[in-house]
PDB file of all heavy atoms in Angstrom:
ATOM      1  N   LYS A   1      28.358 -10.353  23.518  1.00  0.00           N
ATOM      2  CA  LYS A   1      27.357  -9.443  24.096  1.00  0.00           C
ATOM      3  C   LYS A   1      27.231  -8.176  23.203  1.00  0.00           C
ATOM      4  O   LYS A   1      26.103  -7.729  22.962  1.00  0.00           O
ATOM      5  CB  LYS A   1      27.765  -9.059  25.519  1.00  0.00           C
ATOM      6  CG  LYS A   1      27.533 -10.198  26.505  1.00  0.00           C
ATOM      7  CD  LYS A   1      27.733  -9.688  27.926  1.00  0.00           C
ATOM      8  CE  LYS A   1      27.420 -10.803  28.929  1.00  0.00           C
ATOM      9  NZ  LYS A   1      27.547 -10.346  30.327  1.00  0.00           N
ATOM     10  N   LYS A   2      28.359  -7.611  22.743  1.00  0.00           N
ATOM     11  CA  LYS A   2      28.274  -6.460  21.890  1.00  0.00           C
ATOM     12  C   LYS A   2      27.692  -6.781  20.549  1.00  0.00           C
ATOM     13  O   LYS A   2      26.869  -5.994  20.007  1.00  0.00           O
ATOM     14  CB  LYS A   2      29.681  -5.858  21.677  1.00  0.00           C
ATOM     15  CG  LYS A   2      30.303  -5.264  22.925  1.00  0.00           C
ATOM     16  CD  LYS A   2      31.689  -4.678  22.600  1.00  0.00           C
ATOM     17  CE  LYS A   2      32.327  -4.007  23.864  1.00  0.00           C
ATOM     18  NZ  LYS A   2      33.647  -3.433  23.599  1.00  0.00           N
ATOM     19  N   ALA A   3      27.989  -7.974  20.042  1.00  0.00           N
ATOM     20  CA  ALA A   3      27.405  -8.396  18.787  1.00  0.00           C
ATOM     21  C   ALA A   3      25.920  -8.535  18.874  1.00  0.00           C
ATOM     22  O   ALA A   3      25.187  -8.123  17.999  1.00  0.00           O
ATOM     23  CB  ALA A   3      28.076  -9.685  18.326  1.00  0.00           C
ATOM     24  N   ALA A   4      25.453  -9.136  20.015  1.00  0.00           N
ATOM     25  CA  ALA A   4      24.037  -9.336  20.211  1.00  0.00           C
ATOM     26  C   ALA A   4      23.330  -8.046  20.333  1.00  0.00           C
ATOM     27  O   ALA A   4      22.206  -7.809  19.714  1.00  0.00           O
ATOM     28  CB  ALA A   4      23.805 -10.199  21.425  1.00  0.00           C
ATOM     29  N   LYS A   5      23.879  -7.126  21.051  1.00  0.00           N
ATOM     30  CA  LYS A   5      23.256  -5.810  21.223  1.00  0.00           C
ATOM     31  C   LYS A   5      23.137  -5.090  19.888  1.00  0.00           C
ATOM     32  O   LYS A   5      22.040  -4.452  19.566  1.00  0.00           O
ATOM     33  CB  LYS A   5      24.086  -4.961  22.183  1.00  0.00           C
ATOM     34  CG  LYS A   5      23.421  -3.632  22.600  1.00  0.00           C
ATOM     35  CD  LYS A   5      24.256  -2.965  23.673  1.00  0.00           C
ATOM     36  CE  LYS A   5      23.608  -1.667  24.109  1.00  0.00           C
ATOM     37  NZ  LYS A   5      22.263  -1.827  24.669  1.00  0.00           N
ATOM     38  N   LEU A   6      24.147  -5.150  19.078  1.00  0.00           N
ATOM     39  CA  LEU A   6      24.111  -4.498  17.739  1.00  0.00           C
ATOM     40  C   LEU A   6      23.083  -5.167  16.840  1.00  0.00           C
ATOM     41  O   LEU A   6      22.339  -4.495  16.151  1.00  0.00           O
ATOM     42  CB  LEU A   6      25.510  -4.553  17.122  1.00  0.00           C
ATOM     43  CG  LEU A   6      25.676  -3.874  15.757  1.00  0.00           C
ATOM     44  CD1 LEU A   6      25.216  -2.461  15.819  1.00  0.00           C
ATOM     45  CD2 LEU A   6      27.108  -3.997  15.275  1.00  0.00           C
ATOM     46  N   LEU A   7      23.012  -6.486  16.866  1.00  0.00           N
ATOM     47  CA  LEU A   7      22.095  -7.223  16.004  1.00  0.00           C
ATOM     48  C   LEU A   7      20.660  -6.899  16.389  1.00  0.00           C
ATOM     49  O   LEU A   7      19.792  -6.688  15.550  1.00  0.00           O
ATOM     50  CB  LEU A   7      22.344  -8.730  16.089  1.00  0.00           C
ATOM     51  CG  LEU A   7      21.480  -9.600  15.180  1.00  0.00           C
ATOM     52  CD1 LEU A   7      21.641  -9.232  13.727  1.00  0.00           C
ATOM     53  CD2 LEU A   7      21.789 -11.095  15.451  1.00  0.00           C
ATOM     54  N   VAL A   8      20.371  -6.850  17.660  1.00  0.00           N
ATOM     55  CA  VAL A   8      19.044  -6.516  18.119  1.00  0.00           C
ATOM     56  C   VAL A   8      18.653  -5.118  17.708  1.00  0.00           C
ATOM     57  O   VAL A   8      17.531  -4.860  17.263  1.00  0.00           O
ATOM     58  CB  VAL A   8      18.920  -6.689  19.667  1.00  0.00           C
ATOM     59  CG1 VAL A   8      17.580  -6.182  20.181  1.00  0.00           C
ATOM     60  CG2 VAL A   8      19.079  -8.170  20.039  1.00  0.00           C
ATOM     61  N   SER A   9      19.626  -4.208  17.782  1.00  0.00           N
ATOM     62  CA  SER A   9      19.269  -2.825  17.335  1.00  0.00           C
ATOM     63  C   SER A   9      18.945  -2.719  15.901  1.00  0.00           C
ATOM     64  O   SER A   9      18.103  -1.957  15.440  1.00  0.00           O
ATOM     65  CB  SER A   9      20.452  -1.857  17.669  1.00  0.00           C
ATOM     66  OG  SER A   9      21.621  -2.204  16.896  1.00  0.00           O
ATOM     67  N   LEU A  10      19.666  -3.593  15.086  1.00  0.00           N
ATOM     68  CA  LEU A  10      19.333  -3.637  13.621  1.00  0.00           C
ATOM     69  C   LEU A  10      17.947  -4.181  13.365  1.00  0.00           C
ATOM     70  O   LEU A  10      17.228  -3.713  12.515  1.00  0.00           O
ATOM     71  CB  LEU A  10      20.378  -4.440  12.888  1.00  0.00           C
ATOM     72  CG  LEU A  10      21.808  -3.882  12.818  1.00  0.00           C
ATOM     73  CD1 LEU A  10      22.760  -4.851  12.106  1.00  0.00           C
ATOM     74  CD2 LEU A  10      21.815  -2.514  12.112  1.00  0.00           C
ATOM     75  N   ILE A  11      17.571  -5.210  14.199  1.00  0.00           N
ATOM     76  CA  ILE A  11      16.245  -5.824  14.017  1.00  0.00           C
ATOM     77  C   ILE A  11      15.152  -4.875  14.433  1.00  0.00           C
ATOM     78  O   ILE A  11      14.141  -4.725  13.742  1.00  0.00           O
ATOM     79  CB  ILE A  11      16.164  -7.140  14.801  1.00  0.00           C
ATOM     80  CG1 ILE A  11      17.108  -8.195  14.206  1.00  0.00           C
ATOM     81  CG2 ILE A  11      14.755  -7.679  14.827  1.00  0.00           C
ATOM     82  CD1 ILE A  11      17.279  -9.452  15.014  1.00  0.00           C
ATOM     83  N   THR A  12      15.299  -4.200  15.520  1.00  0.00           N
ATOM     84  CA  THR A  12      14.255  -3.311  16.013  1.00  0.00           C
ATOM     85  C   THR A  12      14.206  -2.011  15.322  1.00  0.00           C
ATOM     86  O   THR A  12      13.219  -1.271  15.451  1.00  0.00           O
ATOM     87  CB  THR A  12      14.479  -3.084  17.522  1.00  0.00           C
ATOM     88  OG1 THR A  12      15.799  -2.525  17.725  1.00  0.00           O
ATOM     89  CG2 THR A  12      14.386  -4.376  18.342  1.00  0.00           C
ATOM     90  N   SER A  13      15.254  -1.609  14.538  1.00  0.00           N
ATOM     91  CA  SER A  13      15.223  -0.332  13.824  1.00  0.00           C
ATOM     92  C   SER A  13      14.304  -0.349  12.623  1.00  0.00           C
ATOM     93  O   SER A  13      13.939   0.734  12.122  1.00  0.00           O
ATOM     94  CB  SER A  13      16.669   0.050  13.406  1.00  0.00           C
ATOM     95  OG  SER A  13      17.129  -0.894  12.457  1.00  0.00           O
ATOM     96  N   ASN A  14      14.003  -1.549  12.139  1.00  0.00           N
ATOM     97  CA  ASN A  14      13.122  -1.709  10.974  1.00  0.00           C
ATOM     98  C   ASN A  14      13.618  -0.999   9.682  1.00  0.00           C
ATOM     99  O   ASN A  14      12.831  -0.527   8.865  1.00  0.00           O
ATOM    100  CB  ASN A  14      11.692  -1.169  11.260  1.00  0.00           C
ATOM    101  CG  ASN A  14      10.952  -2.064  12.237  1.00  0.00           C
ATOM    102  OD1 ASN A  14      11.062  -3.303  12.197  1.00  0.00           O
ATOM    103  ND2 ASN A  14      10.227  -1.476  13.152  1.00  0.00           N
ATOM    104  N   ILE A  15      14.977  -0.904   9.513  1.00  0.00           N
ATOM    105  CA  ILE A  15      15.496  -0.321   8.302  1.00  0.00           C
ATOM    106  C   ILE A  15      15.909  -1.386   7.251  1.00  0.00           C
ATOM    107  O   ILE A  15      16.304  -1.052   6.159  1.00  0.00           O
ATOM    108  CB  ILE A  15      16.725   0.568   8.603  1.00  0.00           C
ATOM    109  CG1 ILE A  15      17.876  -0.223   9.242  1.00  0.00           C
ATOM    110  CG2 ILE A  15      16.335   1.741   9.510  1.00  0.00           C
ATOM    111  CD1 ILE A  15      19.128   0.564   9.457  1.00  0.00           C
ATOM    112  N   ALA A  16      15.845  -2.679   7.656  1.00  0.00           N
ATOM    113  CA  ALA A  16      16.231  -3.717   6.753  1.00  0.00           C
ATOM    114  C   ALA A  16      15.172  -3.941   5.664  1.00  0.00           C
ATOM    115  O   ALA A  16      13.974  -3.876   5.945  1.00  0.00           O
ATOM    116  CB  ALA A  16      16.422  -5.018   7.538  1.00  0.00           C
ATOM    117  N   PRO A  17      15.562  -4.176   4.447  1.00  0.00           N
ATOM    118  CA  PRO A  17      14.636  -4.505   3.402  1.00  0.00           C
ATOM    119  C   PRO A  17      14.001  -5.874   3.605  1.00  0.00           C
ATOM    120  O   PRO A  17      14.507  -6.696   4.362  1.00  0.00           O
ATOM    121  CB  PRO A  17      15.465  -4.479   2.114  1.00  0.00           C
ATOM    122  CG  PRO A  17      16.881  -4.719   2.549  1.00  0.00           C
ATOM    123  CD  PRO A  17      16.993  -4.121   3.914  1.00  0.00           C
ATOM    124  N   GLU A  18      12.870  -6.142   2.975  1.00  0.00           N
ATOM    125  CA  GLU A  18      12.133  -7.392   3.189  1.00  0.00           C
ATOM    126  C   GLU A  18      12.967  -8.634   2.972  1.00  0.00           C
ATOM    127  O   GLU A  18      12.924  -9.601   3.703  1.00  0.00           O
ATOM    128  CB  GLU A  18      10.900  -7.430   2.303  1.00  0.00           C
ATOM    129  CG  GLU A  18       9.836  -6.417   2.707  1.00  0.00           C
ATOM    130  CD  GLU A  18       9.222  -6.746   4.063  1.00  0.00           C
ATOM    131  OE1 GLU A  18       9.175  -8.000   4.400  1.00  0.00           O
ATOM    132  OE2 GLU A  18       8.842  -5.811   4.769  1.00  0.00           O
ATOM    133  N   TYR A  19      13.773  -8.614   1.861  1.00  0.00           N
ATOM    134  CA  TYR A  19      14.565  -9.798   1.512  1.00  0.00           C
ATOM    135  C   TYR A  19      15.641 -10.157   2.528  1.00  0.00           C
ATOM    136  O   TYR A  19      16.224 -11.231   2.504  1.00  0.00           O
ATOM    137  CB  TYR A  19      15.129  -9.692   0.123  1.00  0.00           C
ATOM    138  CG  TYR A  19      16.126  -8.521  -0.031  1.00  0.00           C
ATOM    139  CD1 TYR A  19      17.425  -8.677   0.360  1.00  0.00           C
ATOM    140  CD2 TYR A  19      15.698  -7.327  -0.553  1.00  0.00           C
ATOM    141  CE1 TYR A  19      18.362  -7.606   0.161  1.00  0.00           C
ATOM    142  CE2 TYR A  19      16.537  -6.270  -0.707  1.00  0.00           C
ATOM    143  CZ  TYR A  19      17.884  -6.368  -0.326  1.00  0.00           C
ATOM    144  OH  TYR A  19      18.759  -5.358  -0.446  1.00  0.00           O
ATOM    145  N   PHE A  20      15.956  -9.167   3.379  1.00  0.00           N
ATOM    146  CA  PHE A  20      17.088  -9.386   4.342  1.00  0.00           C
ATOM    147  C   PHE A  20      16.629  -9.767   5.719  1.00  0.00           C
ATOM    148  O   PHE A  20      17.424 -10.065   6.599  1.00  0.00           O
ATOM    149  CB  PHE A  20      17.964  -8.085   4.364  1.00  0.00           C
ATOM    150  CG  PHE A  20      19.351  -8.323   4.901  1.00  0.00           C
ATOM    151  CD1 PHE A  20      20.255  -9.110   4.216  1.00  0.00           C
ATOM    152  CD2 PHE A  20      19.738  -7.750   6.131  1.00  0.00           C
ATOM    153  CE1 PHE A  20      21.503  -9.319   4.695  1.00  0.00           C
ATOM    154  CE2 PHE A  20      21.034  -7.925   6.611  1.00  0.00           C
ATOM    155  CZ  PHE A  20      21.919  -8.750   5.886  1.00  0.00           C
ATOM    156  N   TRP A  21      15.302  -9.749   5.979  1.00  0.00           N
ATOM    157  CA  TRP A  21      14.846 -10.069   7.332  1.00  0.00           C
ATOM    158  C   TRP A  21      15.168 -11.516   7.723  1.00  0.00           C
ATOM    159  O   TRP A  21      15.476 -11.795   8.898  1.00  0.00           O
ATOM    160  CB  TRP A  21      13.311  -9.800   7.424  1.00  0.00           C
ATOM    161  CG  TRP A  21      13.014  -8.431   7.810  1.00  0.00           C
ATOM    162  CD1 TRP A  21      12.585  -7.410   7.034  1.00  0.00           C
ATOM    163  CD2 TRP A  21      13.168  -7.835   9.108  1.00  0.00           C
ATOM    164  NE1 TRP A  21      12.415  -6.252   7.706  1.00  0.00           N
ATOM    165  CE2 TRP A  21      12.755  -6.479   9.035  1.00  0.00           C
ATOM    166  CE3 TRP A  21      13.548  -8.336  10.369  1.00  0.00           C
ATOM    167  CZ2 TRP A  21      12.765  -5.602  10.105  1.00  0.00           C
ATOM    168  CZ3 TRP A  21      13.534  -7.474  11.442  1.00  0.00           C
ATOM    169  CH2 TRP A  21      13.206  -6.142  11.318  1.00  0.00           C
ATOM    170  N   SER A  22      15.041 -12.420   6.836  1.00  0.00           N
ATOM    171  CA  SER A  22      15.377 -13.833   7.153  1.00  0.00           C
ATOM    172  C   SER A  22      16.798 -13.973   7.620  1.00  0.00           C
ATOM    173  O   SER A  22      17.065 -14.727   8.594  1.00  0.00           O
ATOM    174  CB  SER A  22      15.120 -14.722   5.928  1.00  0.00           C
ATOM    175  OG  SER A  22      15.922 -14.323   4.822  1.00  0.00           O
ATOM    176  N   THR A  23      17.747 -13.244   6.945  1.00  0.00           N
ATOM    177  CA  THR A  23      19.145 -13.363   7.316  1.00  0.00           C
ATOM    178  C   THR A  23      19.346 -12.796   8.769  1.00  0.00           C
ATOM    179  O   THR A  23      20.084 -13.359   9.610  1.00  0.00           O
ATOM    180  CB  THR A  23      19.984 -12.598   6.349  1.00  0.00           C
ATOM    181  OG1 THR A  23      19.803 -13.174   5.023  1.00  0.00           O
ATOM    182  CG2 THR A  23      21.469 -12.704   6.672  1.00  0.00           C
ATOM    183  N   LEU A  24      18.707 -11.616   8.991  1.00  0.00           N
ATOM    184  CA  LEU A  24      18.908 -10.976  10.313  1.00  0.00           C
ATOM    185  C   LEU A  24      18.342 -11.864  11.442  1.00  0.00           C
ATOM    186  O   LEU A  24      18.997 -12.060  12.518  1.00  0.00           O
ATOM    187  CB  LEU A  24      18.169  -9.636  10.326  1.00  0.00           C
ATOM    188  CG  LEU A  24      18.905  -8.438   9.710  1.00  0.00           C
ATOM    189  CD1 LEU A  24      18.009  -7.212   9.783  1.00  0.00           C
ATOM    190  CD2 LEU A  24      20.230  -8.190  10.359  1.00  0.00           C
ATOM    191  N   LEU A  25      17.176 -12.444  11.235  1.00  0.00           N
ATOM    192  CA  LEU A  25      16.545 -13.268  12.270  1.00  0.00           C
ATOM    193  C   LEU A  25      17.300 -14.568  12.497  1.00  0.00           C
ATOM    194  O   LEU A  25      17.496 -14.957  13.661  1.00  0.00           O
ATOM    195  CB  LEU A  25      15.103 -13.570  11.851  1.00  0.00           C
ATOM    196  CG  LEU A  25      14.112 -12.406  11.904  1.00  0.00           C
ATOM    197  CD1 LEU A  25      12.793 -12.772  11.312  1.00  0.00           C
ATOM    198  CD2 LEU A  25      13.967 -11.873  13.313  1.00  0.00           C
ATOM    199  N   LEU A  26      17.779 -15.173  11.436  1.00  0.00           N
ATOM    200  CA  LEU A  26      18.559 -16.408  11.625  1.00  0.00           C
ATOM    201  C   LEU A  26      19.890 -16.205  12.225  1.00  0.00           C
ATOM    202  O   LEU A  26      20.464 -17.103  12.838  1.00  0.00           O
ATOM    203  CB  LEU A  26      18.670 -17.147  10.282  1.00  0.00           C
ATOM    204  CG  LEU A  26      17.367 -17.714   9.683  1.00  0.00           C
ATOM    205  CD1 LEU A  26      17.631 -18.285   8.288  1.00  0.00           C
ATOM    206  CD2 LEU A  26      16.787 -18.788  10.585  1.00  0.00           C
TER     207      LEU A  26
END
């Protein structure tokens, strides 16, 4: 649950570079 909450915050923050979005989503 904590891991999911943190991952979602990283996705919604939009600070990830383009090449890393695939890794975050998968």
